[in-house]
Protein backbone atom coordinates (compact mmCIF):
# COMPACT_ATOMS: atom_id res chain seq x y z
CA MET A 1 53.78 54.51 56.41
CA GLN A 2 57.10 52.82 57.03
CA GLN A 3 55.97 49.69 55.15
CA VAL A 4 55.35 51.81 52.06
CA LYS A 5 58.66 53.63 52.42
CA ASN A 6 60.66 50.42 52.68
CA GLY A 7 58.78 48.82 49.79
CA SER A 8 57.04 46.02 51.70
CA LEU A 9 53.63 47.52 50.88
CA ALA A 10 52.40 49.11 47.66
CA LEU A 11 49.93 51.92 48.27
CA ALA A 12 47.10 52.03 45.73
CA PHE A 13 45.12 55.24 45.35
CA CYS A 14 41.47 55.75 44.43
CA TRP A 15 40.37 57.08 41.03
CA ALA A 16 36.97 58.03 42.47
CA HIS A 17 38.68 60.57 44.70
CA VAL A 18 40.80 61.87 41.82
CA ARG A 19 37.66 62.26 39.74
CA ARG A 20 36.16 64.55 42.38
CA ASP A 21 39.03 67.01 41.91
CA PHE A 22 37.97 67.57 38.31
CA VAL A 23 34.28 67.65 39.20
CA ARG A 24 34.98 70.45 41.68
CA VAL A 25 36.81 72.47 39.03
CA GLY A 26 33.96 72.05 36.55
CA LYS A 27 31.27 72.99 39.05
CA GLY A 28 33.19 75.76 40.75
CA PHE A 29 34.49 77.45 37.59
CA PRO A 30 31.95 77.34 34.72
CA SER A 31 34.55 78.63 32.27
CA GLN A 32 36.56 75.46 32.92
CA ASN A 33 33.64 73.06 32.57
CA SER A 34 34.72 71.79 29.15
CA TRP A 35 38.26 71.22 30.46
CA ALA A 36 36.94 69.24 33.43
CA LEU A 37 34.62 67.21 31.22
CA LYS A 38 37.54 66.17 29.01
CA TRP A 39 39.37 64.78 32.01
CA LEU A 40 36.26 63.09 33.34
CA GLY A 41 35.87 61.46 29.93
CA ARG A 42 39.46 60.17 30.08
CA ILE A 43 38.86 58.71 33.51
CA ARG A 44 35.59 57.16 32.34
CA GLU A 45 37.47 55.52 29.46
CA LEU A 46 39.92 54.01 31.96
CA TYR A 47 37.04 52.38 33.81
CA ARG A 48 35.50 51.14 30.56
CA LEU A 49 38.70 49.58 29.29
CA ASN A 50 39.46 47.97 32.64
CA ARG A 51 35.96 46.46 32.86
CA GLU A 52 36.37 45.10 29.36
CA ARG A 53 39.78 43.66 30.21
CA LEU A 54 38.41 41.86 33.27
CA LYS A 55 35.85 40.05 31.11
CA HIS A 56 38.62 37.98 29.55
CA ALA A 57 41.07 35.48 30.95
CA PRO A 58 44.70 36.68 31.06
CA SER A 59 46.86 35.66 28.10
CA THR A 60 43.86 35.37 25.77
CA ALA A 61 43.88 37.38 22.56
CA GLN A 62 40.94 39.48 23.73
CA TYR A 63 42.65 40.30 27.03
CA ILE A 64 45.91 41.23 25.36
CA ALA A 65 44.15 43.53 22.87
CA VAL A 66 42.19 45.42 25.54
CA ASP A 67 45.19 45.51 27.86
CA ALA A 68 47.19 47.26 25.14
CA LYS A 69 44.45 49.86 24.67
CA LEU A 70 44.30 50.40 28.43
CA ARG A 71 48.03 51.00 28.60
CA GLU A 72 47.81 53.43 25.69
CA GLN A 73 45.08 55.34 27.53
CA VAL A 74 47.20 55.54 30.69
CA ALA A 75 50.24 56.75 28.73
CA MET A 76 48.16 59.33 26.87
CA MET A 77 46.74 60.69 30.12
CA ALA A 78 50.23 61.06 31.58
CA LEU A 79 51.42 62.96 28.50
CA GLU A 80 48.37 65.23 28.53
CA ARG A 81 48.77 65.88 32.24
CA ASP A 82 52.41 66.92 31.86
CA ALA A 83 51.68 69.03 28.79
CA GLU A 84 48.96 70.96 30.60
CA LEU A 85 51.09 71.42 33.70
CA SER A 86 53.78 72.98 31.51
CA LEU A 87 51.22 75.57 30.40
CA ALA A 88 50.86 76.67 34.01
CA ASP A 89 54.55 77.58 34.08
CA LEU A 90 54.39 79.87 31.05
CA LYS A 91 54.23 83.63 31.29
CA PRO A 92 51.53 84.72 30.78
CA VAL A 93 49.96 81.64 32.34
CA GLN A 94 47.93 79.73 29.76
CA LEU A 95 46.05 77.49 32.16
CA HIS A 96 43.32 78.62 34.56
CA TYR A 97 44.56 78.74 38.14
CA ALA A 98 41.91 76.24 39.27
CA CYS A 99 43.30 73.48 37.02
CA PRO A 100 46.92 72.92 38.14
CA PRO A 101 46.06 71.67 41.67
CA ALA A 102 44.00 68.82 40.23
CA LEU A 103 46.75 67.95 37.75
CA LYS A 104 49.49 68.14 40.39
CA SER A 105 47.54 65.82 42.67
CA LEU A 106 47.09 63.45 39.75
CA SER A 107 50.84 63.52 39.13
CA GLU A 108 51.80 63.03 42.77
CA HIS A 109 49.54 60.01 43.15
CA TRP A 110 50.19 58.55 39.70
CA THR A 111 52.22 55.52 40.80
CA GLY A 112 49.53 54.39 43.24
CA LEU A 113 46.75 55.19 40.77
CA THR A 114 48.23 52.99 38.05
CA LEU A 115 49.10 49.87 40.04
CA PHE A 116 45.98 48.26 38.60
CA VAL A 117 47.53 48.30 35.12
CA ASP A 118 50.03 45.55 35.96
CA ASP A 119 47.84 43.86 38.58
CA PRO A 120 44.20 43.56 37.47
CA LYS A 121 43.21 42.31 40.93
CA ILE A 122 43.62 45.86 42.21
CA PRO A 123 40.40 47.88 41.74
CA LEU A 124 40.47 51.40 40.33
CA ASP A 125 38.74 52.80 43.38
CA ASN A 126 37.87 52.06 46.97
CA ASN A 127 34.10 52.35 46.51
CA TYR A 128 33.40 48.71 47.42
CA GLY A 129 35.42 48.96 50.62
CA GLU A 130 33.71 52.21 51.56
CA ARG A 131 30.28 50.68 51.00
CA LEU A 132 31.20 47.90 53.43
CA ILE A 133 31.75 50.47 56.22
CA ARG A 134 28.83 52.64 55.17
CA ASN A 135 26.64 51.79 58.17
CA PRO A 136 29.24 52.74 60.81
CA ALA A 137 30.27 55.82 58.81
CA ILE A 138 26.70 57.09 58.45
CA GLY A 139 25.76 56.27 62.00
CA ARG A 140 28.83 57.62 63.76
CA LYS A 141 27.25 61.04 64.34
CA ASN A 142 24.47 59.25 66.18
CA TYR A 143 26.93 57.35 68.35
CA TYR A 144 27.97 60.20 70.60
CA GLY A 145 27.91 57.73 73.48
CA SER A 146 31.23 56.57 72.05
CA GLY A 147 32.78 59.66 73.59
CA SER A 148 33.88 57.31 76.36
CA GLN A 149 36.49 54.62 75.80
CA TRP A 150 34.36 51.73 77.02
CA SER A 151 31.46 52.58 74.71
CA GLY A 152 33.86 53.04 71.79
CA ARG A 153 35.27 49.57 72.40
CA LEU A 154 31.74 48.18 72.69
CA ALA A 155 30.74 49.74 69.36
CA MET A 156 33.87 48.33 67.74
CA MET A 157 33.14 44.83 69.03
CA MET A 158 29.49 44.97 67.96
CA PHE A 159 30.36 46.09 64.43
CA SER A 160 32.81 43.21 64.22
CA ILE A 161 30.20 40.74 65.46
CA PHE A 162 27.52 42.01 63.07
CA ALA A 163 29.89 41.89 60.11
CA THR A 164 30.81 38.30 60.94
CA LEU A 165 27.16 37.28 61.28
CA LEU A 166 26.26 38.87 57.96
CA LEU A 167 29.12 37.07 56.23
CA TRP A 168 27.59 33.85 57.50
CA LYS A 169 24.12 35.02 56.38
CA ILE A 170 22.89 34.90 59.98
CA ASN A 171 20.09 37.21 61.15
CA PRO A 172 21.85 39.42 63.76
CA ARG A 173 18.74 40.00 65.88
CA THR A 174 17.94 36.28 65.96
CA TRP A 175 21.51 35.49 67.01
CA LEU A 176 21.47 38.20 69.70
CA THR A 177 18.13 36.95 71.02
CA TRP A 178 19.58 33.46 71.34
CA TYR A 179 22.70 34.79 73.07
CA PHE A 180 20.85 37.05 75.53
CA GLU A 181 18.36 34.31 76.40
CA SER A 182 21.32 32.08 77.17
CA CYS A 183 22.71 34.84 79.41
CA ALA A 184 19.37 35.09 81.21
CA ALA A 185 19.33 31.34 81.72
CA ASN A 186 22.80 31.63 83.24
CA ALA A 187 21.66 33.97 86.02
CA GLY A 188 22.35 37.06 83.96
CA GLN A 189 25.95 36.14 83.27
CA ALA A 190 27.70 35.43 79.99
CA PRO A 191 27.61 31.73 79.09
CA ALA A 192 30.58 29.77 80.34
CA ASP A 193 31.73 28.87 76.84
CA VAL A 194 31.00 31.68 74.38
CA GLU A 195 32.79 29.76 71.62
CA ASN A 196 29.61 27.75 71.22
CA PHE A 197 28.02 30.88 69.74
CA LEU A 198 30.62 31.38 67.03
CA PRO A 199 29.09 30.66 63.60
CA TRP A 200 31.72 28.08 62.67
CA ASN A 201 31.03 26.13 65.89
CA VAL A 202 27.22 26.16 65.54
CA SER A 203 25.43 22.96 64.55
CA ALA A 204 23.87 22.71 61.11
CA ASP A 205 20.34 22.71 62.58
CA ARG A 206 21.02 25.79 64.70
CA LEU A 207 22.64 27.55 61.77
CA THR A 208 19.54 26.94 59.66
CA LYS A 209 17.33 28.42 62.39
CA LEU A 210 19.59 31.45 62.73
CA ARG A 211 19.50 32.03 59.00
CA ASN A 212 15.77 31.36 58.62
CA PRO A 213 13.96 32.51 61.77
CA THR A 214 10.43 31.30 62.37
CA ASP A 215 7.46 33.60 61.94
CA ASN A 216 7.44 34.26 65.67
CA SER A 217 11.10 35.26 65.76
CA PRO A 218 12.38 38.76 65.09
CA THR A 219 13.34 39.15 61.45
CA ASP A 220 14.75 42.69 61.43
CA SER A 221 18.49 42.52 60.71
CA SER A 222 19.25 45.96 62.14
């Protein structure tokens, strides 16, 4: 990305993905299981120290103490990584051939993986973001109708609408029922002013009804 190259954006990488590299080595090569477990333990310690750090307000004694331990852990991992990579260059090679790729990937992504050290607002992984798009990601193989451009655009718009409704704690089916009934009342055409259906333009009474549908209203949020 040009923004990353020119320094206007800092690209953070995901420790959950890095972790999988070591899991694959451990599962795929039983003789290297103990090696993989050591690295998984180091990564687990990173998560533990970062969680502990986030419990405290910056500049407090507790924060400073845990922050120092976190930085020591990061530095130790970098030293261990480089030391093990040097073993791969020896003749005869003293590191199993399955291990260097994981270590090289760790080294290549190190800057983006450690941005969280200086900026605690940056998470160690992208798991939360991936959970937010879980429904579209899981369902995409069922959406083969999106092979056409118009249906792809429709799916994109509907996901955006549903995400907005859920942020406002509005029942999507109740909102859609209201919208489609309004279309029916308008001779099957979209209402003249669709802005009236935007959550931030809805009256307080209507918003309450959309959030708490009556017993006779659909309650399924799918």
